[in-house]
Amino acid sequence: MTAASVAERRRQIARPEPTYPDYTHQQILKVLSGLLLSMFVAILSSTVVTNALPRITHELHGSESSYTWVITATLLTMTASTPIWGKLSDRVNRKLLMQLALGIFLFASCLAGFSQSMGMLIAARALQGIGSGGVMALAQIIIGAMIPPRERGRYSGYLGASFALATVLGPLIGGAIVDTPFLGWRGCFYAGVPFVMVAFVVLQRTLHLPHVKRDIPIDYSGALLIMSGVSTLLIWISLAGSGAFAWISLETALLVPIAAVLIIGAIFAETRATDPVIPLEIFASRTVLFSVLASVFMGVGMVGATVFMGQYFQIAKGNSAVIAGMLTLPLVGGMFLTSLLTGRWITATGKWKRYLVGGAISLVAGTALLSTLSRTTPGLVISAGLLLVGIGIGATNQNLVLAVQNTLPLSQLGAGSSTVSFFRSLGSASGLAVLGAVLTTQLGGLMRDGFAAANLPIPPGGEHAIPNVQTMDPETVRIIQDSYATGIASVFLIMVPVIAIGAVLVLAIREVPLRNKDDEDDHSAPVEVGLDSAVAVDAAAASGEMQPSTSSRRGPRRLIGASR
């Protein structure tokens, strides 16, 4: 099939561009309550176990690698499934999809609570990732379909605030549950069940979006190749990173070519598909391209602080799970306030790039400060680093999605939004696996050297087990705490240049003024965002020029994103 015939088929299936529904502010808030609750419980599922993981891993006789895999498994399936959820949302009723995602999440949460081994827990968390991937992607897509970009800033800020709230309450709730004898760590996975049920009912009653069915073939080959390729790549990174085999090994020689072939096949399939899962032409827009690339590198920073600081506070500092959760309040406070404030400022001014740039710089600075951690680092220094990281995450997380949503037509809203989430999750999962491998390697060497210098034997389980410092003698505790503090600091040091690359990419993003609802006619006719049109969107936005449309029956109109 030639490129011309593919383009012709895509034009034939083009449907009238959907418009924004006439929701009042009160109606939006009602729908938003269900979406925020869904988003809250999806994020809570990760954060509620953050401070409980050392206890869980110890009781289920896990290792440092299995500790990381409990989180990596969720990120892997969430990453692989995100573009599928996004594409389905462009062709299937979004409310039904959200409820399906919530159902999968609910079942997986209960399964995780029944886990009898680390293997069973990791499998349940993988299934949970599929559900949470759908919830988080669809929440952003539904908001994008309800609210014009110019007004979307303050509502997107609520999503960021929900993220921050779940982040702060999760460790506290998880720590309190773990420290309560009659609940234990299993209660962490049941904590979200009532929230899921309430969110399901609220969305059923309040969410009513128009849906236009399209009788077109589903891109099964693209979906299968994307999921297989990404999963193979992440499995290789995770297993090699966890020490299951060496980076240069027979397994690597097998998995890497398989992943490469699958990903290349996915790219080829997407260029031929009538309705591709990830429309490759959206990357012709400079705003979309650099937003997606930046999300990969920013994803590393978003997962690093939330995962490794739990270990630092509990092991390197010897705090309980509850205290460890409270010590992360600067991180969450920065995320919460920045998400709300930047959302309102963006709505008021229509400008968003300045907040992305400021957030990226703050994330780099905070990570650099955390790279100086030691067992004796003052709490003020730690809090300052966490606050800067929180500000960075709050200013970049939702606004990268907003930048892409503002550039694309509504018919590609699901695919575009999920693409950003997909690549951010890819960066998070890959970064977590690699950084977990670095930490495991560092801990092994540091503990061997520390115990050898003190002429002491390595505790049972060696450097690969998660220690319970509350039950050890003071000298052993000191060596373990020094090892963990130094190892975690080295992880943050590696993160600094990675996030800095993301900051440079953010600087390269071209700002497209946010659309108002008055601009709805600008995308009411069929729109094809191809190489020429996507580049024209950025050019028009930069110059302020108005271009006539050849596809609209209403006469000349401005391209999407062009300034008034």
Protein backbone atom coordinates (compact mmCIF):
# COMPACT_ATOMS: atom_id res chain seq x y z
CA MET A 1 0.00 0.00 0.00
CA THR A 2 1.48 3.33 -1.07
CA ALA A 3 1.64 6.44 1.09
CA ALA A 4 -0.85 8.13 -1.24
CA SER A 5 -3.40 5.33 -0.85
CA VAL A 6 -3.00 5.37 2.95
CA ALA A 7 -3.61 9.14 2.98
CA GLU A 8 -6.66 8.68 0.76
CA ARG A 9 -8.13 6.03 3.08
CA ARG A 10 -7.58 8.28 6.09
CA ARG A 11 -9.39 11.12 4.31
CA GLN A 12 -12.27 8.82 3.49
CA ILE A 13 -12.82 7.85 7.13
CA ALA A 14 -12.42 11.40 8.43
CA ARG A 15 -15.43 12.44 10.46
CA PRO A 16 -16.56 15.93 11.41
CA GLU A 17 -14.26 17.24 14.10
CA PRO A 18 -16.00 17.00 17.51
CA THR A 19 -16.74 20.18 19.38
CA TYR A 20 -16.58 21.01 23.07
CA PRO A 21 -19.86 20.24 24.91
CA ASP A 22 -21.69 23.13 26.55
CA TYR A 23 -20.88 22.30 30.14
CA THR A 24 -21.39 24.92 32.80
CA HIS A 25 -18.73 25.44 35.45
CA GLN A 26 -20.93 23.62 37.96
CA GLN A 27 -21.34 20.63 35.63
CA ILE A 28 -17.61 20.51 34.97
CA LEU A 29 -16.90 20.43 38.70
CA LYS A 30 -19.31 17.52 39.17
CA VAL A 31 -17.63 15.48 36.44
CA LEU A 32 -14.24 16.58 37.70
CA SER A 33 -15.00 15.17 41.15
CA GLY A 34 -15.28 11.67 39.68
CA LEU A 35 -12.19 12.11 37.53
CA LEU A 36 -10.13 13.46 40.42
CA LEU A 37 -11.23 10.60 42.63
CA SER A 38 -10.24 8.11 39.91
CA MET A 39 -6.89 9.82 39.44
CA PHE A 40 -6.40 9.99 43.20
CA VAL A 41 -6.92 6.26 43.73
CA ALA A 42 -4.67 5.31 40.79
CA ILE A 43 -1.80 7.37 42.16
CA LEU A 44 -2.56 6.30 45.72
CA SER A 45 -1.97 2.68 44.67
CA SER A 46 1.67 3.51 44.04
CA THR A 47 2.38 5.94 46.85
CA VAL A 48 0.56 3.98 49.56
CA VAL A 49 3.08 1.15 49.24
CA THR A 50 6.18 3.33 48.88
CA ASN A 51 7.02 3.41 52.58
CA ALA A 52 5.52 -0.05 53.11
CA LEU A 53 7.77 -1.73 50.53
CA PRO A 54 10.75 -2.28 52.84
CA ARG A 55 8.42 -4.11 55.28
CA ILE A 56 6.64 -6.00 52.48
CA THR A 57 9.91 -7.10 50.90
CA HIS A 58 11.29 -8.19 54.25
CA GLU A 59 8.20 -10.24 55.19
CA LEU A 60 7.89 -11.87 51.77
CA HIS A 61 11.65 -12.63 51.74
CA GLY A 62 12.35 -10.45 48.71
CA SER A 63 15.55 -8.80 47.55
CA GLU A 64 16.56 -5.32 46.40
CA SER A 65 15.79 -6.36 42.81
CA SER A 66 12.31 -7.63 43.71
CA TYR A 67 11.76 -4.41 45.69
CA THR A 68 12.31 -2.48 42.48
CA TRP A 69 10.23 -4.92 40.41
CA VAL A 70 7.11 -4.30 42.52
CA ILE A 71 7.14 -0.76 41.13
CA THR A 72 8.67 -1.54 37.73
CA ALA A 73 5.98 -4.13 36.88
CA THR A 74 3.28 -1.51 37.35
CA LEU A 75 5.15 1.05 35.28
CA LEU A 76 5.85 -1.49 32.53
CA THR A 77 2.21 -2.48 31.97
CA MET A 78 0.99 1.07 32.47
CA THR A 79 3.45 2.27 29.83
CA ALA A 80 2.63 -0.44 27.31
CA SER A 81 -1.13 -0.05 27.67
CA THR A 82 -1.35 3.76 27.72
CA PRO A 83 -1.37 4.33 23.93
CA ILE A 84 -3.98 1.59 23.54
CA TRP A 85 -6.27 3.28 26.06
CA GLY A 86 -5.69 6.60 24.33
CA LYS A 87 -6.57 5.31 20.88
CA LEU A 88 -9.61 3.44 22.17
CA SER A 89 -10.84 6.70 23.67
CA ASP A 90 -10.97 8.23 20.18
CA ARG A 91 -13.37 5.52 19.00
CA VAL A 92 -15.14 4.03 22.05
CA ASN A 93 -17.37 5.61 24.71
CA ARG A 94 -14.93 7.23 27.13
CA LYS A 95 -17.10 6.75 30.19
CA LEU A 96 -17.30 3.00 29.59
CA LEU A 97 -13.54 2.87 29.09
CA MET A 98 -12.92 4.71 32.36
CA GLN A 99 -15.23 2.35 34.22
CA LEU A 100 -13.51 -0.66 32.63
CA ALA A 101 -10.12 0.68 33.74
CA LEU A 102 -11.46 1.19 37.26
CA GLY A 103 -12.80 -2.39 37.29
CA ILE A 104 -9.44 -3.84 36.26
CA PHE A 105 -7.72 -1.72 38.88
CA LEU A 106 -10.15 -2.86 41.60
CA PHE A 107 -9.66 -6.56 40.84
CA ALA A 108 -5.87 -6.22 40.73
CA SER A 109 -5.80 -4.33 44.04
CA CYS A 110 -7.68 -7.14 45.78
CA LEU A 111 -5.37 -9.71 44.17
CA ALA A 112 -2.31 -7.82 45.43
CA GLY A 113 -3.73 -7.85 48.94
CA PHE A 114 -3.97 -11.67 48.83
CA SER A 115 -0.36 -12.08 47.64
CA GLN A 116 1.59 -14.91 49.26
CA SER A 117 4.93 -14.28 47.57
CA MET A 118 6.87 -11.54 45.81
CA GLY A 119 6.13 -13.20 42.46
CA MET A 120 2.38 -13.10 43.06
CA LEU A 121 2.57 -9.51 44.25
CA ILE A 122 4.57 -8.44 41.19
CA ALA A 123 2.03 -10.14 38.87
CA ALA A 124 -0.88 -8.40 40.62
CA ARG A 125 0.92 -5.08 40.40
CA ALA A 126 1.42 -5.65 36.66
CA LEU A 127 -2.34 -6.08 36.21
CA GLN A 128 -2.90 -3.05 38.40
CA GLY A 129 -0.68 -1.05 36.06
CA ILE A 130 -3.03 -1.77 33.13
CA GLY A 131 -5.96 -0.35 35.09
CA SER A 132 -4.11 2.66 36.48
CA GLY A 133 -2.67 3.42 33.04
CA GLY A 134 -6.18 3.65 31.67
CA VAL A 135 -7.44 5.76 34.56
CA MET A 136 -4.63 8.33 34.38
CA ALA A 137 -4.65 8.59 30.57
CA LEU A 138 -8.44 8.80 30.28
CA ALA A 139 -8.76 11.42 33.04
CA GLN A 140 -6.58 13.82 31.05
CA ILE A 141 -8.29 12.93 27.77
CA ILE A 142 -11.80 13.48 29.15
CA ILE A 143 -10.83 16.86 30.57
CA GLY A 144 -9.32 17.74 27.19
CA ALA A 145 -12.56 16.77 25.44
CA MET A 146 -14.71 18.81 27.84
CA ILE A 147 -12.78 22.05 28.24
CA PRO A 148 -11.06 24.37 25.68
CA PRO A 149 -7.28 24.76 26.20
CA ARG A 150 -7.46 28.37 27.39
CA GLU A 151 -9.81 27.38 30.23
CA ARG A 152 -8.19 24.00 30.80
CA GLY A 153 -5.25 25.31 32.79
CA ARG A 154 -7.03 25.70 36.11
CA TYR A 155 -8.79 22.36 35.77
CA SER A 156 -5.55 20.62 34.83
CA GLY A 157 -4.14 22.21 37.95
CA TYR A 158 -6.72 20.25 39.94
CA LEU A 159 -5.36 17.05 38.44
CA GLY A 160 -1.88 18.04 39.50
CA ALA A 161 -3.14 18.88 42.97
CA SER A 162 -4.87 15.49 43.14
CA PHE A 163 -1.56 13.89 42.18
CA ALA A 164 0.17 15.80 44.97
CA LEU A 165 -2.53 14.98 47.52
CA ALA A 166 -2.35 11.25 46.74
CA THR A 167 1.42 11.48 46.95
CA VAL A 168 1.36 12.98 50.43
CA LEU A 169 -1.50 10.94 51.85
CA GLY A 170 -0.29 7.67 50.31
CA PRO A 171 2.91 7.31 52.35
CA LEU A 172 1.16 8.51 55.50
CA ILE A 173 -1.78 6.15 55.05
CA GLY A 174 0.54 3.33 54.05
CA GLY A 175 2.83 3.92 57.00
CA ALA A 176 -0.08 4.05 59.44
CA ILE A 177 -1.58 0.85 57.98
CA VAL A 178 1.73 -1.03 58.10
CA ASP A 179 2.38 0.05 61.70
CA THR A 180 -1.13 -1.04 62.78
CA PRO A 181 -0.86 -4.70 63.93
CA PHE A 182 -4.37 -5.84 62.91
CA LEU A 183 -4.08 -4.29 59.41
CA GLY A 184 -0.54 -4.94 58.22
CA TRP A 185 0.85 -4.20 54.77
CA ARG A 186 -2.00 -6.04 52.99
CA GLY A 187 -4.34 -3.26 54.03
CA CYS A 188 -2.38 -0.90 51.77
CA PHE A 189 -3.86 -2.57 48.71
CA TYR A 190 -7.41 -2.56 50.07
CA ALA A 191 -7.30 1.14 50.98
CA GLY A 192 -8.26 2.25 47.48
CA VAL A 193 -11.26 -0.09 47.07
CA PRO A 194 -13.93 2.27 48.50
CA PHE A 195 -12.53 5.18 46.47
CA VAL A 196 -12.82 3.14 43.26
CA MET A 197 -16.43 2.26 43.98
CA VAL A 198 -17.40 5.87 44.71
CA ALA A 199 -15.59 7.12 41.57
CA PHE A 200 -17.43 4.53 39.47
CA VAL A 201 -20.84 5.73 40.68
CA VAL A 202 -19.99 9.44 40.37
CA LEU A 203 -18.85 9.07 36.76
CA GLN A 204 -21.90 7.01 35.90
CA ARG A 205 -24.16 9.83 37.08
CA THR A 206 -22.27 12.91 35.88
CA LEU A 207 -20.18 12.10 32.80
CA HIS A 208 -22.07 12.42 29.52
CA LEU A 209 -19.82 13.09 26.51
CA PRO A 210 -21.00 13.00 22.89
CA HIS A 211 -19.63 10.02 21.00
CA VAL A 212 -19.53 9.43 17.25
CA LYS A 213 -19.02 5.83 16.17
CA ARG A 214 -16.70 5.11 13.25
CA ASP A 215 -16.95 1.91 11.25
CA ILE A 216 -13.24 1.53 10.50
CA PRO A 217 -10.72 -1.28 11.01
CA ILE A 218 -8.90 -1.48 14.32
CA ASP A 219 -5.11 -1.26 14.18
CA TYR A 220 -4.52 -4.64 15.82
CA SER A 221 -1.06 -5.11 14.33
CA GLY A 222 0.15 -1.70 15.51
CA ALA A 223 -1.25 -2.21 19.01
CA LEU A 224 0.30 -5.68 19.32
CA LEU A 225 3.69 -4.59 17.99
CA ILE A 226 3.83 -1.48 20.21
CA MET A 227 2.97 -3.41 23.38
CA SER A 228 5.31 -6.28 22.52
CA GLY A 229 8.22 -4.05 21.53
CA VAL A 230 7.99 -1.77 24.56
CA SER A 231 7.45 -4.68 26.95
CA THR A 232 10.46 -6.57 25.55
CA LEU A 233 12.63 -3.46 25.85
CA LEU A 234 11.57 -2.79 29.45
CA ILE A 235 11.94 -6.44 30.43
CA TRP A 236 15.52 -6.40 29.12
CA ILE A 237 16.34 -3.16 30.96
CA SER A 238 14.71 -4.39 34.18
CA LEU A 239 16.23 -7.89 34.21
CA ALA A 240 19.69 -6.71 33.23
CA GLY A 241 19.39 -3.90 35.76
CA SER A 242 18.31 -6.25 38.54
CA GLY A 243 21.31 -8.52 38.00
CA ALA A 244 19.37 -11.44 36.48
CA PHE A 245 21.98 -11.35 33.73
CA ALA A 246 24.79 -9.05 32.60
CA TRP A 247 24.18 -6.08 30.33
CA ILE A 248 26.52 -7.73 27.82
CA SER A 249 25.30 -11.32 27.69
CA LEU A 250 23.54 -13.92 25.57
CA GLU A 251 20.17 -12.78 26.93
CA THR A 252 20.93 -9.21 25.87
CA ALA A 253 21.95 -10.39 22.42
CA LEU A 254 18.55 -12.10 22.15
CA LEU A 255 16.21 -9.52 23.72
CA VAL A 256 17.62 -6.33 22.20
CA PRO A 257 17.29 -7.43 18.54
CA ILE A 258 13.78 -8.76 19.24
CA ALA A 259 12.76 -5.42 20.78
CA ALA A 260 14.33 -3.51 17.86
CA VAL A 261 12.54 -5.62 15.25
CA LEU A 262 9.20 -5.25 17.05
CA ILE A 263 9.55 -1.47 17.42
CA ILE A 264 10.62 -1.04 13.78
CA GLY A 265 7.69 -3.22 12.77
CA ALA A 266 5.38 -1.03 14.88
CA ILE A 267 6.64 2.11 13.13
CA PHE A 268 6.07 0.51 9.73
CA ALA A 269 2.59 -0.68 10.75
CA GLU A 270 1.63 2.80 11.98
CA THR A 271 2.62 4.35 8.65
CA ARG A 272 0.31 1.89 6.85
CA ALA A 273 -2.63 1.76 9.24
CA THR A 274 -5.85 3.51 8.31
CA ASP A 275 -6.40 4.61 11.91
CA PRO A 276 -3.04 4.12 13.72
CA VAL A 277 -2.70 3.79 17.50
CA ILE A 278 0.00 6.47 17.48
CA PRO A 279 -0.38 8.73 14.39
CA LEU A 280 3.22 9.41 13.46
CA GLU A 281 2.32 12.63 11.67
CA ILE A 282 1.68 14.36 15.00
CA PHE A 283 5.45 14.37 15.57
CA ALA A 284 5.83 16.77 12.65
CA SER A 285 4.74 19.51 15.04
CA ARG A 286 7.73 20.91 16.89
CA THR A 287 5.61 21.47 20.00
CA VAL A 288 4.45 17.85 20.07
CA LEU A 289 7.87 16.40 19.24
CA PHE A 290 9.81 18.24 21.92
CA SER A 291 7.03 17.87 24.51
CA VAL A 292 7.07 14.10 24.03
CA LEU A 293 10.89 13.90 24.14
CA ALA A 294 11.02 16.11 27.23
CA SER A 295 8.46 13.90 28.97
CA VAL A 296 10.81 10.91 28.62
CA PHE A 297 13.62 12.61 30.53
CA MET A 298 11.31 14.33 33.01
CA GLY A 299 9.75 10.95 33.78
CA VAL A 300 13.04 9.85 35.34
CA GLY A 301 12.93 12.76 37.78
CA MET A 302 9.30 12.18 38.67
CA VAL A 303 9.85 8.60 39.77
CA GLY A 304 13.27 9.00 41.40
CA ALA A 305 12.36 11.17 44.36
CA THR A 306 9.15 9.31 45.23
CA VAL A 307 10.74 5.84 45.11
CA PHE A 308 14.24 6.21 46.50
CA MET A 309 13.54 8.79 49.20
CA GLY A 310 11.34 6.26 51.01
CA GLN A 311 14.35 3.97 51.35
CA TYR A 312 16.57 6.87 52.37
CA PHE A 313 14.30 8.00 55.21
CA GLN A 314 13.56 4.51 56.53
CA ILE A 315 16.96 2.85 56.14
CA ALA A 316 19.60 5.58 55.91
CA LYS A 317 17.84 7.72 58.53
CA GLY A 318 16.20 4.90 60.53
CA ASN A 319 12.71 6.43 60.60
CA SER A 320 9.40 4.57 60.75
CA ALA A 321 7.10 4.37 57.74
CA VAL A 322 4.81 7.09 59.13
CA ILE A 323 7.67 9.49 59.88
CA ALA A 324 9.17 8.79 56.44
CA GLY A 325 5.86 9.81 54.87
CA MET A 326 5.74 13.02 56.87
CA LEU A 327 9.29 13.91 55.84
CA THR A 328 8.22 13.93 52.18
CA LEU A 329 5.74 16.77 52.82
CA PRO A 330 7.99 19.41 51.18
CA LEU A 331 7.97 17.36 47.96
CA VAL A 332 4.19 17.06 47.97
CA GLY A 333 3.60 20.64 49.11
CA GLY A 334 5.65 21.92 46.19
CA MET A 335 3.73 19.73 43.74
CA PHE A 336 0.32 20.65 45.19
CA LEU A 337 0.76 24.42 45.27
CA THR A 338 2.59 24.66 41.97
CA SER A 339 -0.04 22.60 40.15
CA LEU A 340 -2.85 24.80 41.40
CA LEU A 341 -1.10 28.14 40.94
CA THR A 342 0.36 27.50 37.49
CA GLY A 343 -3.02 26.24 36.31
CA ARG A 344 -4.69 29.48 37.33
CA TRP A 345 -1.89 31.64 35.93
CA ILE A 346 -2.03 29.83 32.61
CA THR A 347 -5.80 30.32 32.40
CA ALA A 348 -5.41 34.02 33.19
CA THR A 349 -2.59 34.74 30.73
CA GLY A 350 -2.78 32.03 28.08
CA LYS A 351 1.00 31.58 28.44
CA TRP A 352 2.41 28.23 29.55
CA LYS A 353 6.02 27.86 28.39
CA ARG A 354 7.49 30.05 31.13
CA TYR A 355 6.11 27.66 33.75
CA LEU A 356 7.47 24.62 31.94
CA VAL A 357 10.94 26.20 31.76
CA GLY A 358 10.86 27.30 35.41
CA GLY A 359 9.67 23.86 36.49
CA ALA A 360 12.39 22.09 34.52
CA ILE A 361 15.09 24.28 36.05
CA SER A 362 13.68 23.70 39.54
CA LEU A 363 13.65 19.94 38.97
CA VAL A 364 17.32 19.96 37.92
CA ALA A 365 18.32 22.11 40.92
CA GLY A 366 16.42 19.96 43.41
CA THR A 367 17.86 16.73 42.05
CA ALA A 368 21.36 18.20 42.20
CA LEU A 369 20.82 19.12 45.84
CA LEU A 370 19.60 15.61 46.68
CA SER A 371 22.73 14.17 45.07
CA THR A 372 24.67 15.45 48.11
CA LEU A 373 22.76 13.23 50.57
CA SER A 374 24.57 11.43 53.35
CA ARG A 375 23.57 9.74 56.59
CA THR A 376 24.05 13.03 58.45
CA THR A 377 22.59 15.49 55.93
CA PRO A 378 20.57 18.18 57.80
CA GLY A 379 16.81 18.00 57.43
CA LEU A 380 16.67 21.56 56.08
CA VAL A 381 18.86 20.63 53.10
CA ILE A 382 16.77 17.54 52.39
CA SER A 383 13.54 19.54 52.60
CA ALA A 384 14.90 22.21 50.26
CA GLY A 385 15.83 19.57 47.68
CA LEU A 386 12.44 17.89 47.92
CA LEU A 387 10.62 21.22 47.66
CA LEU A 388 12.48 22.13 44.46
CA VAL A 389 11.75 18.73 42.96
CA GLY A 390 8.08 19.08 43.92
CA ILE A 391 7.87 22.51 42.28
CA GLY A 392 9.47 21.09 39.14
CA ILE A 393 7.08 18.15 38.90
CA GLY A 394 4.04 20.33 39.60
CA ALA A 395 4.95 22.82 36.88
CA THR A 396 5.80 20.27 34.16
CA ASN A 397 3.65 17.18 34.69
CA GLN A 398 0.25 18.40 33.43
CA ASN A 399 1.51 21.29 31.34
CA LEU A 400 3.41 19.08 28.90
CA VAL A 401 0.10 17.33 28.19
CA LEU A 402 -1.66 20.70 27.88
CA ALA A 403 0.89 21.87 25.30
CA VAL A 404 0.23 18.83 23.13
CA GLN A 405 -3.55 18.94 23.54
CA ASN A 406 -3.58 22.58 22.48
CA THR A 407 -1.65 21.81 19.28
CA LEU A 408 -3.71 18.85 18.02
CA PRO A 409 -7.30 18.70 16.75
CA LEU A 410 -9.92 17.13 18.99
CA SER A 411 -10.10 14.00 16.81
CA GLN A 412 -6.51 13.19 17.85
CA LEU A 413 -6.88 14.28 21.46
CA GLY A 414 -6.76 10.74 22.87
CA ALA A 415 -3.81 9.62 20.79
CA GLY A 416 -1.85 12.81 21.46
CA SER A 417 -2.49 12.94 25.21
CA SER A 418 -1.73 9.25 25.71
CA THR A 419 1.46 9.57 23.65
CA VAL A 420 2.87 12.08 26.16
CA SER A 421 1.83 9.87 29.07
CA PHE A 422 3.24 6.83 27.26
CA PHE A 423 6.69 8.31 26.78
CA ARG A 424 6.73 9.77 30.30
CA SER A 425 5.92 6.34 31.71
CA LEU A 426 8.56 4.83 29.42
CA GLY A 427 11.13 7.20 30.88
CA SER A 428 9.96 6.43 34.42
CA ALA A 429 10.03 2.65 33.97
CA SER A 430 13.37 2.61 32.16
CA GLY A 431 14.90 5.09 34.58
CA LEU A 432 13.68 3.17 37.61
CA ALA A 433 15.10 -0.10 36.31
CA VAL A 434 18.49 1.39 35.44
CA LEU A 435 18.71 3.45 38.62
CA GLY A 436 17.63 0.45 40.67
CA ALA A 437 20.46 -1.52 39.07
CA VAL A 438 22.92 1.23 39.91
CA LEU A 439 21.74 1.30 43.51
CA THR A 440 21.98 -2.50 43.84
CA THR A 441 25.52 -2.50 42.46
CA GLN A 442 26.56 0.43 44.63
CA LEU A 443 25.12 -1.15 47.78
CA GLY A 444 26.97 -4.41 47.16
CA GLY A 445 30.35 -2.71 46.89
CA LEU A 446 29.76 -0.21 49.69
CA MET A 447 28.58 -2.85 52.17
CA ARG A 448 31.41 -5.24 51.39
CA ASP A 449 33.96 -2.47 51.86
CA GLY A 450 32.26 -1.14 55.00
CA PHE A 451 31.99 -4.48 56.79
CA ALA A 452 35.50 -5.49 55.71
CA ALA A 453 36.92 -2.24 57.12
CA ALA A 454 35.08 -2.79 60.42
CA ASN A 455 36.13 -6.46 60.48
CA LEU A 456 32.49 -7.53 60.76
CA PRO A 457 30.54 -10.22 58.91
CA ILE A 458 27.87 -9.18 56.42
CA PRO A 459 24.38 -9.74 57.94
CA PRO A 460 22.29 -12.74 56.78
CA GLY A 461 20.94 -12.13 53.29
CA GLY A 462 23.96 -10.06 52.42
CA GLU A 463 23.83 -6.85 50.48
CA HIS A 464 20.89 -8.09 48.38
CA ALA A 465 18.29 -8.14 51.18
CA ILE A 466 16.30 -5.17 52.47
CA PRO A 467 17.56 -4.71 56.04
CA ASN A 468 15.48 -3.99 59.11
CA VAL A 469 17.77 -1.55 60.90
CA GLN A 470 15.56 -1.54 64.00
CA THR A 471 16.83 -5.01 64.99
CA MET A 472 20.59 -4.62 64.38
CA ASP A 473 23.52 -3.57 66.50
CA PRO A 474 24.68 0.08 66.23
CA GLU A 475 27.88 -0.55 64.23
CA THR A 476 26.08 -2.70 61.66
CA VAL A 477 23.34 -0.08 61.40
CA ARG A 478 25.91 2.66 60.79
CA ILE A 479 27.55 0.77 57.94
CA ILE A 480 24.22 -0.05 56.30
CA GLN A 481 22.95 3.51 56.68
CA ASP A 482 26.14 4.97 55.21
CA SER A 483 25.92 2.53 52.31
CA TYR A 484 22.31 3.37 51.51
CA ALA A 485 22.82 7.12 51.83
CA THR A 486 25.86 7.07 49.53
CA GLY A 487 24.18 4.74 47.03
CA ILE A 488 20.97 6.81 46.84
CA ALA A 489 23.01 10.02 46.47
CA SER A 490 24.81 8.48 43.49
CA VAL A 491 21.42 7.66 41.93
CA PHE A 492 20.37 11.31 42.14
CA LEU A 493 23.73 12.38 40.72
CA ILE A 494 23.07 10.25 37.64
CA MET A 495 19.60 11.76 37.33
CA VAL A 496 20.92 15.33 37.12
CA PRO A 497 22.25 15.25 33.50
CA VAL A 498 19.26 13.17 32.38
CA ILE A 499 16.77 15.75 33.65
CA ALA A 500 18.99 18.55 32.32
CA ILE A 501 18.51 17.12 28.81
CA GLY A 502 14.77 17.32 29.41
CA ALA A 503 15.14 20.97 30.44
CA VAL A 504 16.96 21.76 27.20
CA LEU A 505 14.17 20.09 25.23
CA VAL A 506 11.59 22.17 27.10
CA LEU A 507 13.46 25.31 26.05
CA ALA A 508 13.17 24.16 22.42
CA ILE A 509 9.37 23.86 22.58
CA ARG A 510 7.58 26.54 20.58
CA GLU A 511 4.75 28.15 22.53
CA VAL A 512 1.37 28.00 20.79
CA PRO A 513 -1.22 30.39 22.30
CA LEU A 514 -4.04 28.53 24.00
CA ARG A 515 -7.34 28.23 22.15
CA ASN A 516 -10.55 29.68 23.54
CA LYS A 517 -13.97 28.15 23.15
CA ASP A 518 -14.63 30.99 20.69
CA ASP A 519 -12.07 29.30 18.46
CA GLU A 520 -14.20 26.17 18.24
CA ASP A 521 -15.02 26.86 14.63
CA ASP A 522 -11.31 26.60 13.92
CA HIS A 523 -11.54 22.83 14.25
CA SER A 524 -15.15 22.04 13.50
CA ALA A 525 -14.33 20.72 10.04
CA PRO A 526 -12.22 17.67 9.23
CA VAL A 527 -8.58 18.34 9.99
CA GLU A 528 -5.59 16.34 8.91
CA VAL A 529 -2.48 16.99 10.93
CA GLY A 530 0.21 15.78 8.59
CA LEU A 531 3.75 16.91 7.98
CA ASP A 532 2.80 20.11 6.21
CA SER A 533 -0.17 21.05 8.35
CA ALA A 534 1.51 20.33 11.67
CA VAL A 535 4.51 22.45 10.74
CA ALA A 536 2.14 25.13 9.51
CA VAL A 537 0.41 25.16 12.88
CA ASP A 538 3.66 26.06 14.62
CA ALA A 539 4.58 28.57 11.93
CA ALA A 540 1.19 30.24 12.12
CA ALA A 541 1.39 30.41 15.89
CA ALA A 542 4.81 31.99 15.76
CA SER A 543 3.96 34.57 13.12
CA GLY A 544 0.32 35.20 14.00
CA GLU A 545 -0.63 34.84 10.36
CA MET A 546 -4.02 33.48 9.35
CA GLN A 547 -4.22 30.75 6.77
CA PRO A 548 -7.30 29.79 4.75
CA SER A 549 -8.54 26.24 5.07
CA THR A 550 -9.32 24.17 2.00
CA SER A 551 -11.26 21.57 3.96
CA SER A 552 -13.78 23.82 5.70
CA ARG A 553 -17.12 24.59 4.18
CA ARG A 554 -17.41 27.70 6.32
CA GLY A 555 -14.80 29.60 4.40
CA PRO A 556 -11.40 30.87 5.55
CA ARG A 557 -10.38 30.09 9.09
CA ARG A 558 -7.24 30.13 11.18
CA LEU A 559 -5.22 27.02 11.77
CA ILE A 560 -5.44 25.38 15.18
CA GLY A 561 -3.27 27.24 17.64
CA ALA A 562 -2.96 30.41 15.56
CA SER A 563 -3.20 33.58 17.61
CA ARG A 564 -6.17 35.81 17.18
